[in-house]
Protein backbone atom coordinates (compact mmCIF):
# COMPACT_ATOMS: atom_id res chain seq x y z
CA MET A 1 17.79 -2.16 21.66
CA TYR A 2 15.71 0.57 21.99
CA ALA A 3 17.14 1.71 25.41
CA GLN A 4 20.12 2.64 23.36
CA LEU A 5 20.01 6.50 23.07
CA VAL A 6 18.52 6.86 19.21
CA GLU A 7 18.96 10.57 17.35
CA THR A 8 17.40 11.30 14.34
CA GLY A 9 17.70 14.99 11.66
CA VAL A 10 13.92 15.49 13.19
CA LYS A 11 14.30 14.41 17.06
CA ARG A 12 15.89 12.83 19.39
CA LEU A 13 14.02 9.45 20.47
CA LYS A 14 13.64 8.75 24.21
CA THR A 15 15.82 6.34 26.38
CA LEU A 16 13.77 3.87 28.24
CA ASP A 17 15.28 5.25 31.35
CA GLU A 18 13.88 8.66 29.89
CA MET A 19 10.36 7.36 29.88
CA ALA A 20 7.59 7.52 32.08
CA PRO A 21 6.58 3.92 33.50
CA GLU A 22 3.51 3.43 31.57
CA GLU A 23 5.54 4.29 28.38
CA ARG A 24 8.56 2.44 29.60
CA ALA A 25 6.34 -1.21 30.17
CA PHE A 26 4.63 -0.55 26.34
CA GLN A 27 7.96 -0.44 25.15
CA GLU A 28 9.36 -2.77 26.94
CA LYS A 29 6.84 -5.43 25.77
CA ILE A 30 6.75 -4.03 22.03
CA ASP A 31 10.95 -5.40 22.54
CA ALA A 32 9.99 -8.64 23.62
CA GLU A 33 7.67 -8.81 20.53
CA ILE A 34 4.34 -9.38 22.15
CA LYS A 35 1.72 -7.71 20.18
CA ILE A 36 0.07 -4.34 21.32
CA GLU A 37 -3.81 -5.10 21.32
CA ALA A 38 -7.28 -2.83 20.69
CA LYS A 39 -7.55 -3.02 24.57
CA ASN A 40 -4.16 -2.46 26.02
CA TRP A 41 -2.82 1.17 27.51
CA MET A 42 -0.57 2.86 24.94
CA PRO A 43 1.11 6.17 24.04
CA GLU A 44 -1.53 8.65 22.06
CA ALA A 45 1.29 9.53 19.20
CA TYR A 46 1.72 5.47 18.89
CA ARG A 47 -2.10 5.58 18.51
CA GLN A 48 -2.31 8.32 16.15
CA THR A 49 1.04 6.80 13.62
CA LEU A 50 -1.42 3.47 13.56
CA VAL A 51 -4.45 5.44 12.54
CA ARG A 52 -2.45 7.48 9.80
CA GLN A 53 -0.48 4.19 8.25
CA ILE A 54 -3.95 2.30 8.59
CA SER A 55 -6.25 4.67 6.84
CA GLN A 56 -4.14 5.91 3.72
CA HIS A 57 -3.42 2.29 3.13
CA ALA A 58 -7.06 1.59 3.45
CA HIS A 59 -8.08 4.24 1.40
CA SER A 60 -5.23 3.12 -1.00
CA GLU A 61 -6.81 -0.09 -1.52
CA ILE A 62 -9.79 1.32 -2.87
CA VAL A 63 -8.45 3.98 -4.89
CA GLY A 64 -6.55 1.45 -6.75
CA MET A 65 -9.36 -0.31 -7.86
CA LEU A 66 -10.02 3.07 -10.09
CA PRO A 67 -7.50 2.25 -12.42
CA GLU A 68 -8.66 -1.61 -13.11
CA GLY A 69 -12.18 -0.93 -13.07
CA ASN A 70 -11.11 1.21 -15.99
CA TRP A 71 -10.37 -1.89 -17.85
CA VAL A 72 -12.70 -4.55 -16.71
CA THR A 73 -15.47 -3.82 -19.26
CA ARG A 74 -12.63 -3.62 -21.83
CA ALA A 75 -10.65 -6.76 -21.23
CA PRO A 76 -9.37 -8.95 -24.07
CA THR A 77 -10.94 -12.14 -23.01
CA LEU A 78 -14.07 -13.60 -20.52
CA LYS A 79 -10.98 -14.60 -19.10
CA ARG A 80 -9.17 -11.92 -18.17
CA LYS A 81 -12.42 -9.96 -17.08
CA LEU A 82 -13.52 -12.51 -15.24
CA GLN A 83 -9.76 -12.12 -13.65
CA LEU A 84 -9.73 -8.69 -13.50
CA MET A 85 -13.12 -8.80 -11.62
CA ALA A 86 -12.35 -11.09 -8.64
CA LYS A 87 -8.56 -8.58 -8.48
CA VAL A 88 -11.05 -5.42 -8.17
CA GLN A 89 -13.49 -7.43 -5.82
CA ASP A 90 -10.00 -8.36 -3.17
CA GLU A 91 -8.63 -5.28 -3.47
CA ALA A 92 -12.11 -3.69 -2.05
CA GLY A 93 -12.01 -6.72 0.63
CA HIS A 94 -8.29 -5.13 1.53
CA GLY A 95 -9.94 -1.53 2.11
CA LEU A 96 -12.28 -3.21 4.62
CA TYR A 97 -10.39 -5.40 6.52
CA LEU A 98 -7.91 -2.93 7.14
CA TYR A 99 -10.61 0.24 7.91
CA SER A 100 -11.68 -2.42 10.67
CA ALA A 101 -8.47 -2.25 12.32
CA MET A 102 -8.17 0.76 12.23
CA GLU A 103 -11.62 1.26 14.00
CA THR A 104 -10.05 -1.21 16.77
CA LEU A 105 -8.09 2.12 17.34
CA GLY A 106 -10.88 4.32 17.97
CA ALA A 107 -11.06 5.91 14.48
CA ASP A 108 -14.04 7.07 13.00
CA ARG A 109 -14.16 5.63 9.43
CA ASP A 110 -16.17 8.23 7.95
CA VAL A 111 -14.45 10.89 9.39
CA GLU A 112 -11.11 9.44 8.29
CA ILE A 113 -12.22 8.73 4.42
CA GLY A 114 -13.98 12.29 4.83
CA LYS A 115 -10.29 13.49 4.64
CA MET A 116 -9.11 11.54 1.92
CA LEU A 117 -12.48 12.54 0.20
CA ALA A 118 -11.02 16.40 0.46
CA GLY A 119 -7.46 15.37 -0.15
CA LYS A 120 -6.29 16.20 3.25
CA ALA A 121 -5.34 12.21 3.79
CA LYS A 122 -2.84 10.34 1.45
CA TYR A 123 -3.20 7.37 -0.83
CA SER A 124 -0.42 5.56 -2.29
CA SER A 125 1.19 8.19 -4.74
CA ILE A 126 0.66 4.80 -8.01
CA PHE A 127 -2.51 5.06 -7.74
CA ASN A 128 -2.58 8.45 -9.37
CA TYR A 129 -0.89 7.49 -13.28
CA PRO A 130 -3.13 6.23 -15.63
CA THR A 131 -3.74 3.39 -16.96
CA LEU A 132 -3.46 3.35 -20.46
CA THR A 133 -3.58 0.05 -22.64
CA TRP A 134 -4.37 -3.37 -21.31
CA ALA A 135 -0.71 -4.39 -20.86
CA ASP A 136 -0.68 -1.62 -17.68
CA MET A 137 -2.55 -4.11 -16.34
CA GLY A 138 -0.13 -6.46 -15.78
CA ALA A 139 2.31 -4.36 -15.05
CA VAL A 140 -0.04 -2.80 -11.91
CA GLY A 141 -0.34 -6.63 -10.78
CA TRP A 142 3.45 -7.65 -11.03
CA LEU A 143 5.18 -4.29 -10.53
CA VAL A 144 2.80 -2.12 -8.38
CA ASP A 145 1.31 -5.45 -6.56
CA GLY A 146 4.82 -6.89 -6.53
CA ALA A 147 5.78 -3.53 -4.77
CA ALA A 148 3.36 -3.75 -2.44
CA ILE A 149 3.99 -7.19 -1.12
CA VAL A 150 7.20 -6.26 -0.36
CA ASN A 151 6.16 -3.45 2.32
CA GLN A 152 3.24 -5.67 3.80
CA VAL A 153 5.11 -9.16 4.06
CA VAL A 154 7.07 -7.29 6.92
CA LEU A 155 3.97 -5.79 8.70
CA GLN A 156 2.59 -9.25 9.39
CA ARG A 157 5.45 -8.63 12.13
CA THR A 158 4.00 -5.02 12.95
CA SER A 159 3.62 -4.89 16.28
CA TYR A 160 -0.16 -3.88 16.37
CA GLY A 161 -1.88 -6.93 16.44
CA PRO A 162 -4.83 -6.81 14.78
CA TYR A 163 -3.52 -4.79 11.55
CA SER A 164 -0.67 -7.79 11.73
CA ARG A 165 -3.59 -10.25 11.50
CA ALA A 166 -5.28 -8.42 8.70
CA MET A 167 -2.05 -8.53 7.01
CA VAL A 168 -1.80 -11.79 6.43
CA ARG A 169 -4.96 -12.60 4.22
CA ILE A 170 -4.32 -9.45 2.45
CA CYS A 171 -0.54 -10.78 1.45
CA LYS A 172 -2.07 -13.65 0.14
CA GLU A 173 -4.04 -12.71 -2.23
CA GLU A 174 -1.62 -9.47 -3.45
CA SER A 175 0.87 -12.36 -3.62
CA PHE A 176 -1.45 -14.34 -6.24
CA HIS A 177 -2.56 -10.40 -7.81
CA GLN A 178 1.37 -10.22 -8.86
CA ARG A 179 1.06 -13.86 -9.85
CA GLN A 180 -1.65 -12.98 -12.32
CA GLY A 181 -0.09 -9.74 -13.69
CA TYR A 182 3.03 -11.18 -14.32
CA GLU A 183 1.41 -14.10 -16.71
CA MET A 184 -0.31 -11.47 -18.18
CA LEU A 185 2.94 -9.84 -19.38
CA LEU A 186 4.87 -12.76 -19.80
CA THR A 187 1.81 -14.94 -22.28
CA MET A 188 1.92 -11.20 -24.31
CA MET A 189 5.75 -11.70 -24.56
CA ARG A 190 5.61 -15.13 -25.74
CA TYR A 191 2.21 -15.31 -27.39
CA GLY A 192 1.75 -11.57 -28.63
CA THR A 193 2.12 -9.93 -31.79
CA PRO A 194 5.47 -6.90 -32.03
CA ALA A 195 3.26 -4.40 -31.09
CA GLN A 196 1.35 -6.21 -28.22
CA LYS A 197 5.14 -6.91 -27.39
CA GLU A 198 6.10 -3.45 -27.41
CA MET A 199 3.05 -2.72 -25.29
CA VAL A 200 4.78 -4.38 -22.64
CA GLN A 201 7.63 -2.30 -22.58
CA ASP A 202 6.10 0.78 -22.51
CA ALA A 203 4.05 -0.25 -19.34
CA ILE A 204 7.43 -1.13 -17.29
CA ASN A 205 9.10 2.08 -18.57
CA ARG A 206 5.66 4.09 -17.20
CA PHE A 207 5.58 2.02 -14.19
CA TRP A 208 9.00 0.81 -12.91
CA TRP A 209 10.06 4.58 -11.38
CA PRO A 210 6.63 4.82 -9.70
CA SER A 211 6.55 1.44 -8.29
CA LEU A 212 10.00 2.66 -6.67
CA MET A 213 8.60 5.41 -5.46
CA MET A 214 6.27 3.62 -3.46
CA PHE A 215 7.91 2.88 -0.83
CA GLY A 216 8.94 6.23 0.47
CA PRO A 217 11.84 8.45 0.75
CA SER A 218 15.26 7.34 2.22
CA ASP A 219 14.30 6.67 5.94
CA ALA A 220 17.01 10.11 6.30
CA ASP A 221 14.33 11.87 5.09
CA SER A 222 11.52 10.52 6.19
CA PRO A 223 10.82 11.94 9.73
CA ASN A 224 8.54 8.77 11.25
CA SER A 225 10.93 6.10 10.28
CA ALA A 226 13.02 6.51 12.96
CA GLN A 227 9.29 6.26 15.84
CA SER A 228 7.88 3.87 13.72
CA MET A 229 11.21 1.82 13.59
CA ALA A 230 11.52 2.09 17.69
CA TRP A 231 7.02 0.97 17.94
CA LYS A 232 8.42 -1.78 15.33
CA ILE A 233 5.04 -0.05 13.62
CA LYS A 234 8.30 -0.73 10.85
CA ARG A 235 10.08 -3.37 10.66
CA GLN A 236 11.99 -2.08 8.23
CA GLY A 237 13.50 1.47 6.10
CA ASN A 238 11.83 2.08 3.15
CA ASP A 239 15.81 1.67 0.60
CA GLU A 240 16.30 -1.55 2.28
CA LEU A 241 12.75 -2.80 1.35
CA ARG A 242 13.12 -1.13 -2.31
CA GLN A 243 16.66 -3.25 -2.82
CA ARG A 244 14.55 -6.36 -1.97
CA PHE A 245 12.22 -4.99 -4.75
CA ILE A 246 14.48 -4.44 -7.15
CA ASP A 247 16.48 -7.36 -6.34
CA GLN A 248 13.70 -9.61 -6.80
CA THR A 249 12.56 -8.15 -9.76
CA ILE A 250 15.07 -8.29 -12.61
CA PRO A 251 15.45 -12.28 -12.93
CA GLN A 252 11.96 -11.64 -13.75
CA LEU A 253 12.20 -8.68 -15.85
CA GLU A 254 14.97 -10.48 -17.56
CA LEU A 255 13.02 -13.54 -18.09
CA LEU A 256 10.17 -11.38 -19.93
CA GLY A 257 12.48 -10.12 -21.92
CA CYS A 258 11.82 -6.48 -20.86
CA THR A 259 14.65 -3.82 -19.60
CA VAL A 260 13.50 -0.97 -17.39
CA PRO A 261 14.04 2.54 -18.67
CA ASP A 262 17.35 3.11 -16.01
CA PRO A 263 20.82 3.31 -17.57
CA ASP A 264 22.36 3.29 -14.53
CA LEU A 265 21.07 -0.34 -13.36
CA LYS A 266 24.24 -2.61 -12.71
CA TRP A 267 24.60 -5.76 -11.03
CA ASN A 268 27.23 -5.28 -8.26
CA GLU A 269 29.52 -7.98 -7.28
CA GLU A 270 30.79 -6.47 -4.16
CA THR A 271 27.12 -5.34 -2.86
CA GLY A 272 25.35 -8.26 -3.93
CA HIS A 273 22.88 -5.82 -5.40
CA TYR A 274 21.54 -4.08 -8.32
CA ASP A 275 22.76 -0.33 -8.56
CA PHE A 276 20.64 1.37 -10.15
CA GLY A 277 19.74 5.29 -10.97
CA GLU A 278 18.43 8.62 -9.14
CA ILE A 279 14.65 8.57 -8.07
CA GLN A 280 13.41 11.47 -9.30
CA TRP A 281 11.50 12.73 -5.80
CA GLU A 282 10.26 15.63 -7.36
CA GLU A 283 8.02 14.13 -9.63
CA PHE A 284 6.93 12.21 -5.63
CA TYR A 285 6.26 14.69 -3.98
CA GLN A 286 4.01 17.12 -6.58
CA VAL A 287 2.18 13.86 -7.16
CA LEU A 288 1.86 13.98 -3.09
CA LYS A 289 0.44 17.42 -3.06
CA GLY A 290 -1.88 16.88 -6.19
CA ASN A 291 -0.14 17.37 -8.78
CA GLY A 292 -0.19 13.87 -10.30
CA PRO A 293 -1.59 12.76 -13.95
CA CYS A 294 -4.79 11.39 -12.17
CA ASN A 295 -4.96 12.98 -8.51
CA ARG A 296 -8.33 14.63 -9.45
CA GLU A 297 -9.69 12.44 -11.70
CA ARG A 298 -9.26 9.70 -8.85
CA LEU A 299 -11.24 12.06 -5.96
CA GLU A 300 -13.79 13.14 -8.80
CA ALA A 301 -14.21 9.24 -9.04
CA ARG A 302 -14.13 8.49 -5.04
CA CYS A 303 -16.51 11.39 -3.97
CA LYS A 304 -19.32 10.50 -6.75
CA ALA A 305 -19.54 7.16 -6.20
CA THR A 306 -19.84 8.21 -2.34
CA LYS A 307 -22.47 10.57 -3.49
CA GLU A 308 -24.22 7.63 -5.17
CA GLY A 309 -23.88 4.91 -2.83
CA ALA A 310 -25.64 6.91 0.28
CA TRP A 311 -29.05 5.82 -0.37
CA VAL A 312 -27.21 2.26 0.05
CA ARG A 313 -25.43 2.91 2.82
CA GLU A 314 -28.99 5.16 4.78
CA ALA A 315 -30.90 2.02 3.99
CA ALA A 316 -28.35 -0.79 5.26
CA VAL A 317 -28.50 1.39 8.51
CA ALA A 318 -32.30 1.27 8.39
CA TYR A 319 -32.38 -2.51 7.90
CA ALA A 320 -29.98 -3.23 10.98
CA LYS A 321 -31.75 -0.61 13.62
CA LYS A 322 -34.99 -1.98 12.71
CA GLN A 323 -33.30 -5.65 13.13
CA GLN A 324 -32.06 -4.27 16.10
CA ALA A 325 -35.64 -2.99 17.32
CA LYS A 326 -37.24 -6.90 16.83
CA ARG A 327 -35.04 -8.38 18.87
CA SER A 328 -35.26 -5.85 21.91
CA ALA A 329 -38.74 -6.55 21.41
CA ALA A 330 -38.65 -10.22 21.81
């Protein structure tokens, strides 16, 4: 129960007895697994935490279209082209769902997008890595979307209702993306040439560690985790989710006939989990600071799209105003 005293390396969380009446009623509602809705009272810090998390999630979906859009015109077959276009369309829809959920908290979509374009708001670090070969499309679908699913399935039970409900459809579609990516790699490994099989292994080598970094640093090094867990915005810790991803991915990897670039990976009979090597967190933090392989390229692409798409947004607003004026006159 949250009423128990919680100590972290960053700050001490309040007990129920230390809370103001509104805060206490809010926390008791969360402890009772009752969803918080947009019109309910909530602490300002809860609202701000959600705005930051949901907006970053939405930014990630939108920026995440860029590595895949890079291969739409170069897909090897019409079937693969259609699959990839559908996947990119899904990601755009996810971004729109999430921006809409964020707006229920009173946030302004244009303001939050502006922060991202200015480099003041983050998106998932994984999308700052290049997609060099067609096998990368399979690796992104299988590893990147697979890591996202492990992260996002638990968000279906997050305490904020609009966010929770948005995640239901998003998780269903992400699950399909993961299976699609794995099928692409499996096809290349079973029927491909030696060069294509090497391409698959190379893609896995490059995306393995960045995929593990997607879960974020250990909760002990994450200043916001304790409060987010108490508010049930997060339901499970970063390390627990990362371990789950590894445990479910390695058997699939073995079926592919591939390996991961981790000499320390091994099954631990005592724990019932895979042990794995140390993650190079300095790389993660450098990417977050804007020093990744594609940080500048991704932001330039989004800024260019925003500028060139301005006339579409302006036309849509003008049309909406015109229709509203007609309805008012009628």
